[in-house]
Amino acid sequence: LALRLYDELDRPDVVFAALQARARWFSEPLDSLQMDALLYTEPYLTGRRDWALFYESYVERFRQPPTYAVDVIRDGAFVSGFARWRAWADADVRETNGRVRFVDTGQNPEARGAIYQRTGIRTSAGTRFDADVQLMNPSAQNQTVLLFVHAVDWSESRSCAFTLAPGDRVDARLTVRSERDWDDAQISIYLDEGGEIIVNRVSLRLSLPDGAESADVLTVCEPGMSAQS
C-alpha cells in the first residue's frame, strides 16, 4: 500500500507521506470487504502485518533500503482510551484525557502489573526497535518502571529500568536490535509491586539498517539502566 502511494506522489522523494499513509491504515479497523480487497491487491500483506516482507518489497522496488522507521504502535497517544491495549496481572488501569494511569494493586506478589500491546508484526533478525515512552510519577514515592521490547513468546527480550522521583516526567527510550526472527513483536510496561505511574504516549519504531550494523546486538537505555534481557 505504501509503495503504491509512493508511486502516486507528486514528489517521489517524499517517502514520509507514504509511510504515514501506511501507518494510518494500520491504525484504523477494516471491515471484511475492505480487507478482502486489500489482500487481493497487496498479497504480500496476506495473513498478518509482516515488516520483513514490506522491507524486501521496498528494496526490490527502489533498489535501496528505506531510510525511515515505521511506528507500529496503534493509538500510542490513547486517543481511543485503552481499547487497543491490554492489562496484565495486578494492573488497575484508568484512562483520562489521553493519559493512562495504572497501579499495581499488590494483590499478587508473584506477578507485577503491566500494560502491553502486541503489534502483530513478524520481524527478521537484525531488526532495530526504538521504543519511546513518556512517563510521569504522580505519587509521593519513587517509582521504578520496566520497559520491555520482546518477541510475543519471550524467546528473546530486551528491557530497561527507569526510576522516577515524585513528580518526575521522563521521556524514556529503549533501543534494541534483535538476534533472531520474531513471529510477533510486543511492547510491555511493568511496575514494581504496589507501584503507580502515568503513561502519556508510547511509540515503537522499526527499521532494518543495511550492512554489518544490522548484525550487531544492541540494547541502549536513555535515560535509565539496563535491566534483564
C-alpha atoms as a PDB file:
ATOM      1  CA  LEU A   1       0.000   0.000   0.000  1.00  0.00           C
ATOM      2  CA  ALA A   2       2.770   2.441   0.899  1.00  0.00           C
ATOM      3  CA  LEU A   3       4.674   1.559  -2.270  1.00  0.00           C
ATOM      4  CA  ARG A   4       1.655   2.308  -4.430  1.00  0.00           C
ATOM      5  CA  LEU A   5       1.058   5.615  -2.679  1.00  0.00           C
ATOM      6  CA  TYR A   6       4.729   6.446  -3.058  1.00  0.00           C
ATOM      7  CA  ASP A   7       4.461   5.983  -6.828  1.00  0.00           C
ATOM      8  CA  GLU A   8       1.453   8.298  -6.948  1.00  0.00           C
ATOM      9  CA  LEU A   9       3.059  11.195  -5.074  1.00  0.00           C
ATOM     10  CA  ASP A  10       3.803  14.405  -6.966  1.00  0.00           C
ATOM     11  CA  ARG A  11       7.288  14.418  -5.465  1.00  0.00           C
ATOM     12  CA  PRO A  12       8.624  10.839  -5.366  1.00  0.00           C
ATOM     13  CA  ASP A  13      11.275  11.805  -2.805  1.00  0.00           C
ATOM     14  CA  VAL A  14       8.578  12.412  -0.175  1.00  0.00           C
ATOM     15  CA  VAL A  15       8.825   8.959   1.352  1.00  0.00           C
ATOM     16  CA  PHE A  16       7.431  10.104   4.676  1.00  0.00           C
ATOM     17  CA  ALA A  17       3.976  10.839   3.248  1.00  0.00           C
ATOM     18  CA  ALA A  18       3.625   7.263   2.043  1.00  0.00           C
ATOM     19  CA  LEU A  19       4.871   5.984   5.370  1.00  0.00           C
ATOM     20  CA  GLN A  20       2.276   7.988   7.252  1.00  0.00           C
ATOM     21  CA  ALA A  21      -0.494   6.754   4.981  1.00  0.00           C
ATOM     22  CA  ARG A  22       0.590   3.188   5.657  1.00  0.00           C
ATOM     23  CA  ALA A  23       0.655   3.840   9.384  1.00  0.00           C
ATOM     24  CA  ARG A  24      -2.886   5.227   9.256  1.00  0.00           C
ATOM     25  CA  TRP A  25      -4.054   2.086   7.515  1.00  0.00           C
ATOM     26  CA  PHE A  26      -2.649   0.037  10.379  1.00  0.00           C
ATOM     27  CA  SER A  27      -4.341   2.290  12.939  1.00  0.00           C
ATOM     28  CA  GLU A  28      -7.870   2.016  11.595  1.00  0.00           C
ATOM     29  CA  PRO A  29     -10.056  -1.106  11.708  1.00  0.00           C
ATOM     30  CA  LEU A  30     -11.094  -2.537   8.340  1.00  0.00           C
ATOM     31  CA  ASP A  31     -14.341  -4.313   7.564  1.00  0.00           C
ATOM     32  CA  SER A  32     -14.227  -7.699   5.817  1.00  0.00           C
ATOM     33  CA  LEU A  33     -14.836  -6.300   2.322  1.00  0.00           C
ATOM     34  CA  GLN A  34     -12.038  -3.756   2.693  1.00  0.00           C
ATOM     35  CA  MET A  35      -9.710  -6.445   3.989  1.00  0.00           C
ATOM     36  CA  ASP A  36     -10.534  -8.792   1.096  1.00  0.00           C
ATOM     37  CA  ALA A  37      -9.909  -6.013  -1.416  1.00  0.00           C
ATOM     38  CA  LEU A  38      -6.617  -5.072   0.188  1.00  0.00           C
ATOM     39  CA  LEU A  39      -5.301  -8.627   0.353  1.00  0.00           C
ATOM     40  CA  TYR A  40      -6.299  -9.178  -3.280  1.00  0.00           C
ATOM     41  CA  THR A  41      -4.233  -6.201  -4.423  1.00  0.00           C
ATOM     42  CA  GLU A  42      -1.438  -6.459  -1.839  1.00  0.00           C
ATOM     43  CA  PRO A  43      -0.742 -10.207  -1.455  1.00  0.00           C
ATOM     44  CA  TYR A  44       2.497  -9.693   0.472  1.00  0.00           C
ATOM     45  CA  LEU A  45       0.386  -8.494   3.410  1.00  0.00           C
ATOM     46  CA  THR A  46      -1.715 -11.659   3.484  1.00  0.00           C
ATOM     47  CA  GLY A  47      -2.377 -13.060   6.939  1.00  0.00           C
ATOM     48  CA  ARG A  48      -0.565 -10.532   9.076  1.00  0.00           C
ATOM     49  CA  ARG A  49       1.486  -7.367   9.006  1.00  0.00           C
ATOM     50  CA  ASP A  50       4.953  -8.513   8.010  1.00  0.00           C
ATOM     51  CA  TRP A  51       7.767  -5.985   8.357  1.00  0.00           C
ATOM     52  CA  ALA A  52      10.329  -8.217   6.615  1.00  0.00           C
ATOM     53  CA  LEU A  53       8.155  -8.595   3.520  1.00  0.00           C
ATOM     54  CA  PHE A  54       7.441  -4.874   3.400  1.00  0.00           C
ATOM     55  CA  TYR A  55      11.172  -4.187   3.699  1.00  0.00           C
ATOM     56  CA  GLU A  56      12.033  -6.665   0.940  1.00  0.00           C
ATOM     57  CA  SER A  57       9.335  -5.230  -1.314  1.00  0.00           C
ATOM     58  CA  TYR A  58      10.698  -1.729  -0.790  1.00  0.00           C
ATOM     59  CA  VAL A  59      14.270  -2.777  -1.593  1.00  0.00           C
ATOM     60  CA  GLU A  60      13.122  -4.647  -4.702  1.00  0.00           C
ATOM     61  CA  ARG A  61      11.172  -1.603  -5.907  1.00  0.00           C
ATOM     62  CA  PHE A  62      13.681   1.143  -5.148  1.00  0.00           C
ATOM     63  CA  ARG A  63      16.996  -0.777  -5.070  1.00  0.00           C
ATOM     64  CA  GLN A  64      17.812   0.647  -1.659  1.00  0.00           C
ATOM     65  CA  PRO A  65      16.676   0.143   1.941  1.00  0.00           C
ATOM     66  CA  PRO A  66      14.127   2.563   3.411  1.00  0.00           C
ATOM     67  CA  THR A  67      15.735   5.423   5.303  1.00  0.00           C
ATOM     68  CA  TYR A  68      12.899   5.825   7.794  1.00  0.00           C
ATOM     69  CA  ALA A  69      11.437   3.872  10.677  1.00  0.00           C
ATOM     70  CA  VAL A  70       7.819   2.731  10.949  1.00  0.00           C
ATOM     71  CA  ASP A  71       5.880   3.368  14.168  1.00  0.00           C
ATOM     72  CA  VAL A  72       3.837   0.195  14.616  1.00  0.00           C
ATOM     73  CA  ILE A  73       2.013   1.076  17.849  1.00  0.00           C
ATOM     74  CA  ARG A  74      -1.711   1.605  17.396  1.00  0.00           C
ATOM     75  CA  ASP A  75      -3.074   4.563  19.339  1.00  0.00           C
ATOM     76  CA  GLY A  76       0.086   5.285  21.275  1.00  0.00           C
ATOM     77  CA  ALA A  77      -1.449   8.563  22.493  1.00  0.00           C
ATOM     78  CA  PHE A  78      -4.523   6.764  23.911  1.00  0.00           C
ATOM     79  CA  VAL A  79      -6.913   8.859  21.798  1.00  0.00           C
ATOM     80  CA  SER A  80      -9.357   5.937  21.862  1.00  0.00           C
ATOM     81  CA  GLY A  81      -8.718   5.251  25.521  1.00  0.00           C
ATOM     82  CA  PHE A  82      -7.307   1.848  26.406  1.00  0.00           C
ATOM     83  CA  ALA A  83      -9.121  -0.044  23.632  1.00  0.00           C
ATOM     84  CA  ARG A  84      -6.024  -1.172  21.726  1.00  0.00           C
ATOM     85  CA  TRP A  85      -4.054  -2.091  24.839  1.00  0.00           C
ATOM     86  CA  ARG A  86      -4.178  -4.905  27.383  1.00  0.00           C
ATOM     87  CA  ALA A  87      -3.521  -5.086  31.125  1.00  0.00           C
ATOM     88  CA  TRP A  88      -1.704  -7.909  32.890  1.00  0.00           C
ATOM     89  CA  ALA A  89      -1.838  -9.351  36.404  1.00  0.00           C
ATOM     90  CA  ASP A  90      -2.475  -6.749  39.126  1.00  0.00           C
ATOM     91  CA  ALA A  91      -2.648  -3.702  36.842  1.00  0.00           C
ATOM     92  CA  ASP A  92      -5.583  -1.420  37.673  1.00  0.00           C
ATOM     93  CA  VAL A  93      -5.875   0.882  34.642  1.00  0.00           C
ATOM     94  CA  ARG A  94      -7.720   4.185  34.304  1.00  0.00           C
ATOM     95  CA  GLU A  95      -7.650   6.394  31.203  1.00  0.00           C
ATOM     96  CA  THR A  96      -8.416  10.122  31.346  1.00  0.00           C
ATOM     97  CA  ASN A  97      -7.916  12.724  28.604  1.00  0.00           C
ATOM     98  CA  GLY A  98      -5.356  10.713  26.658  1.00  0.00           C
ATOM     99  CA  ARG A  99      -3.339   9.652  29.692  1.00  0.00           C
ATOM    100  CA  VAL A 100      -3.239   6.176  31.187  1.00  0.00           C
ATOM    101  CA  ARG A 101      -2.747   5.863  34.919  1.00  0.00           C
ATOM    102  CA  PHE A 102      -2.109   2.379  36.169  1.00  0.00           C
ATOM    103  CA  VAL A 103      -1.361   0.890  39.544  1.00  0.00           C
ATOM    104  CA  ASP A 104      -0.012  -2.474  40.630  1.00  0.00           C
ATOM    105  CA  THR A 105      -2.519  -3.367  43.339  1.00  0.00           C
ATOM    106  CA  GLY A 106      -0.109  -5.785  45.042  1.00  0.00           C
ATOM    107  CA  GLN A 107      -2.775  -8.489  45.335  1.00  0.00           C
ATOM    108  CA  ASN A 108      -0.491 -10.994  43.639  1.00  0.00           C
ATOM    109  CA  PRO A 109       3.090 -10.520  44.915  1.00  0.00           C
ATOM    110  CA  GLU A 110       4.404 -13.002  42.342  1.00  0.00           C
ATOM    111  CA  ALA A 111       3.197 -11.037  39.300  1.00  0.00           C
ATOM    112  CA  ARG A 112       3.947  -7.402  38.517  1.00  0.00           C
ATOM    113  CA  GLY A 113       1.195  -5.331  36.961  1.00  0.00           C
ATOM    114  CA  ALA A 114       1.755  -4.366  33.325  1.00  0.00           C
ATOM    115  CA  ILE A 115       0.192  -2.873  30.230  1.00  0.00           C
ATOM    116  CA  TYR A 116       1.159  -4.162  26.788  1.00  0.00           C
ATOM    117  CA  GLN A 117       0.395  -4.170  23.080  1.00  0.00           C
ATOM    118  CA  ARG A 118       1.040  -6.933  20.568  1.00  0.00           C
ATOM    119  CA  THR A 119       1.897  -5.392  17.199  1.00  0.00           C
ATOM    120  CA  GLY A 120       1.060  -8.490  15.163  1.00  0.00           C
ATOM    121  CA  ILE A 121       4.182  -7.862  13.084  1.00  0.00           C
ATOM    122  CA  ARG A 122       6.659 -10.567  12.125  1.00  0.00           C
ATOM    123  CA  THR A 123      10.264  -9.285  12.085  1.00  0.00           C
ATOM    124  CA  SER A 124      13.568 -10.740  10.945  1.00  0.00           C
ATOM    125  CA  ALA A 125      16.878 -10.955  12.805  1.00  0.00           C
ATOM    126  CA  GLY A 126      18.686  -7.622  12.804  1.00  0.00           C
ATOM    127  CA  THR A 127      15.541  -5.515  13.033  1.00  0.00           C
ATOM    128  CA  ARG A 128      16.066  -2.374  15.098  1.00  0.00           C
ATOM    129  CA  PHE A 129      13.376  -1.317  17.575  1.00  0.00           C
ATOM    130  CA  ASP A 130      13.219   2.183  19.078  1.00  0.00           C
ATOM    131  CA  ALA A 131      10.687   2.269  21.921  1.00  0.00           C
ATOM    132  CA  ASP A 132       9.793   5.704  23.311  1.00  0.00           C
ATOM    133  CA  VAL A 133       7.559   6.151  26.352  1.00  0.00           C
ATOM    134  CA  GLN A 134       6.613   9.367  28.139  1.00  0.00           C
ATOM    135  CA  LEU A 135       6.138   8.658  31.848  1.00  0.00           C
ATOM    136  CA  MET A 136       5.103  10.667  34.899  1.00  0.00           C
ATOM    137  CA  ASN A 137       5.220   9.747  38.584  1.00  0.00           C
ATOM    138  CA  PRO A 138       2.043  11.048  40.299  1.00  0.00           C
ATOM    139  CA  SER A 139       2.866   9.530  43.690  1.00  0.00           C
ATOM    140  CA  ALA A 140       4.862  10.666  46.718  1.00  0.00           C
ATOM    141  CA  GLN A 141       7.361   7.780  46.402  1.00  0.00           C
ATOM    142  CA  ASN A 142       9.999   6.791  43.859  1.00  0.00           C
ATOM    143  CA  GLN A 143       8.587   4.535  41.146  1.00  0.00           C
ATOM    144  CA  THR A 144      10.508   2.011  39.043  1.00  0.00           C
ATOM    145  CA  VAL A 145       9.245   1.089  35.594  1.00  0.00           C
ATOM    146  CA  LEU A 146      10.498  -1.791  33.436  1.00  0.00           C
ATOM    147  CA  LEU A 147      10.143  -1.264  29.689  1.00  0.00           C
ATOM    148  CA  PHE A 148      10.342  -4.429  27.567  1.00  0.00           C
ATOM    149  CA  VAL A 149      10.555  -4.959  23.819  1.00  0.00           C
ATOM    150  CA  HIS A 150      10.239  -8.656  23.114  1.00  0.00           C
ATOM    151  CA  ALA A 151       9.019 -11.496  20.964  1.00  0.00           C
ATOM    152  CA  VAL A 152       5.482 -12.387  21.977  1.00  0.00           C
ATOM    153  CA  ASP A 153       6.620 -15.833  23.165  1.00  0.00           C
ATOM    154  CA  TRP A 154       9.513 -14.258  25.153  1.00  0.00           C
ATOM    155  CA  SER A 155      12.061 -16.262  23.154  1.00  0.00           C
ATOM    156  CA  GLU A 156      14.045 -13.014  23.014  1.00  0.00           C
ATOM    157  CA  SER A 157      13.582  -9.858  25.061  1.00  0.00           C
ATOM    158  CA  ARG A 158      15.376  -6.647  25.970  1.00  0.00           C
ATOM    159  CA  SER A 159      14.478  -4.255  28.757  1.00  0.00           C
ATOM    160  CA  CYS A 160      15.419  -1.103  30.635  1.00  0.00           C
ATOM    161  CA  ALA A 161      14.636   0.045  34.168  1.00  0.00           C
ATOM    162  CA  PHE A 162      13.648   3.662  34.777  1.00  0.00           C
ATOM    163  CA  THR A 163      13.316   5.182  38.261  1.00  0.00           C
ATOM    164  CA  LEU A 164      11.204   8.320  38.646  1.00  0.00           C
ATOM    165  CA  ALA A 165      11.247  10.569  41.697  1.00  0.00           C
ATOM    166  CA  PRO A 166       7.913  12.019  42.898  1.00  0.00           C
ATOM    167  CA  GLY A 167       6.525  14.401  40.262  1.00  0.00           C
ATOM    168  CA  ASP A 168       9.147  13.466  37.651  1.00  0.00           C
ATOM    169  CA  ARG A 169       8.365  13.385  33.928  1.00  0.00           C
ATOM    170  CA  VAL A 170      10.677  11.217  31.828  1.00  0.00           C
ATOM    171  CA  ASP A 171      10.979  10.591  28.095  1.00  0.00           C
ATOM    172  CA  ALA A 172      12.334   7.055  28.250  1.00  0.00           C
ATOM    173  CA  ARG A 173      13.847   5.249  25.275  1.00  0.00           C
ATOM    174  CA  LEU A 174      14.870   1.637  24.760  1.00  0.00           C
ATOM    175  CA  THR A 175      16.781   0.872  21.555  1.00  0.00           C
ATOM    176  CA  VAL A 176      17.151  -2.786  20.604  1.00  0.00           C
ATOM    177  CA  ARG A 177      18.455  -4.817  17.684  1.00  0.00           C
ATOM    178  CA  SER A 178      17.222  -8.396  17.667  1.00  0.00           C
ATOM    179  CA  GLU A 179      19.345 -11.503  17.212  1.00  0.00           C
ATOM    180  CA  ARG A 180      16.509 -13.723  15.968  1.00  0.00           C
ATOM    181  CA  ASP A 181      13.393 -13.694  13.848  1.00  0.00           C
ATOM    182  CA  TRP A 182      10.303 -12.739  15.856  1.00  0.00           C
ATOM    183  CA  ASP A 183       6.889 -14.116  14.964  1.00  0.00           C
ATOM    184  CA  ASP A 184       5.195 -11.166  16.693  1.00  0.00           C
ATOM    185  CA  ALA A 185       6.783  -8.100  18.327  1.00  0.00           C
ATOM    186  CA  GLN A 186       5.367  -6.781  21.612  1.00  0.00           C
ATOM    187  CA  ILE A 187       5.978  -3.823  23.930  1.00  0.00           C
ATOM    188  CA  SER A 188       5.274  -4.192  27.664  1.00  0.00           C
ATOM    189  CA  ILE A 189       5.488  -1.726  30.571  1.00  0.00           C
ATOM    190  CA  TYR A 190       5.799  -3.263  34.055  1.00  0.00           C
ATOM    191  CA  LEU A 191       5.575  -1.711  37.523  1.00  0.00           C
ATOM    192  CA  ASP A 192       7.110  -2.767  40.813  1.00  0.00           C
ATOM    193  CA  GLU A 193       4.689  -4.267  43.335  1.00  0.00           C
ATOM    194  CA  GLY A 194       2.398  -1.537  44.635  1.00  0.00           C
ATOM    195  CA  GLY A 195       3.722   0.942  42.049  1.00  0.00           C
ATOM    196  CA  GLU A 196       1.833   3.735  40.291  1.00  0.00           C
ATOM    197  CA  ILE A 197       2.638   5.566  37.057  1.00  0.00           C
ATOM    198  CA  ILE A 198       1.073   7.726  34.325  1.00  0.00           C
ATOM    199  CA  VAL A 199       1.807   6.920  30.671  1.00  0.00           C
ATOM    200  CA  ASN A 200       1.230   9.810  28.251  1.00  0.00           C
ATOM    201  CA  ARG A 201       2.318   8.239  24.986  1.00  0.00           C
ATOM    202  CA  VAL A 202       4.080   5.185  23.547  1.00  0.00           C
ATOM    203  CA  SER A 203       5.763   4.563  20.202  1.00  0.00           C
ATOM    204  CA  LEU A 204       7.688   1.606  18.783  1.00  0.00           C
ATOM    205  CA  ARG A 205       9.545   2.272  15.543  1.00  0.00           C
ATOM    206  CA  LEU A 206      11.048  -0.467  13.371  1.00  0.00           C
ATOM    207  CA  SER A 207      13.965  -0.133  10.982  1.00  0.00           C
ATOM    208  CA  LEU A 208      16.412  -2.547   9.425  1.00  0.00           C
ATOM    209  CA  PRO A 209      19.869  -0.995   8.856  1.00  0.00           C
ATOM    210  CA  ASP A 210      21.830  -2.284   5.896  1.00  0.00           C
ATOM    211  CA  GLY A 211      25.203  -3.998   6.103  1.00  0.00           C
ATOM    212  CA  ALA A 212      27.221  -5.153   9.117  1.00  0.00           C
ATOM    213  CA  GLU A 213      25.446  -2.793  11.501  1.00  0.00           C
ATOM    214  CA  SER A 214      22.309  -4.933  11.394  1.00  0.00           C
ATOM    215  CA  ALA A 215      24.223  -7.945  12.739  1.00  0.00           C
ATOM    216  CA  ASP A 216      25.337  -6.214  15.932  1.00  0.00           C
ATOM    217  CA  VAL A 217      23.393  -6.900  19.125  1.00  0.00           C
ATOM    218  CA  LEU A 218      22.167  -3.636  20.596  1.00  0.00           C
ATOM    219  CA  THR A 219      20.481  -2.603  23.840  1.00  0.00           C
ATOM    220  CA  VAL A 220      20.579   1.067  24.829  1.00  0.00           C
ATOM    221  CA  CYS A 221      18.583   2.789  27.590  1.00  0.00           C
ATOM    222  CA  GLU A 222      18.081   6.581  27.616  1.00  0.00           C
ATOM    223  CA  PRO A 223      17.835   7.552  30.441  1.00  0.00           C
ATOM    224  CA  GLY A 224      17.880   4.656  32.875  1.00  0.00           C
ATOM    225  CA  MET A 225      19.841   1.486  33.379  1.00  0.00           C
ATOM    226  CA  SER A 226      19.993  -1.819  31.562  1.00  0.00           C
ATOM    227  CA  ALA A 227      17.771  -4.443  33.139  1.00  0.00           C
ATOM    228  CA  GLN A 228      17.500  -8.141  32.365  1.00  0.00           C
ATOM    229  CA  SER A 229      17.479  -9.289  28.747  1.00  0.00           C
END
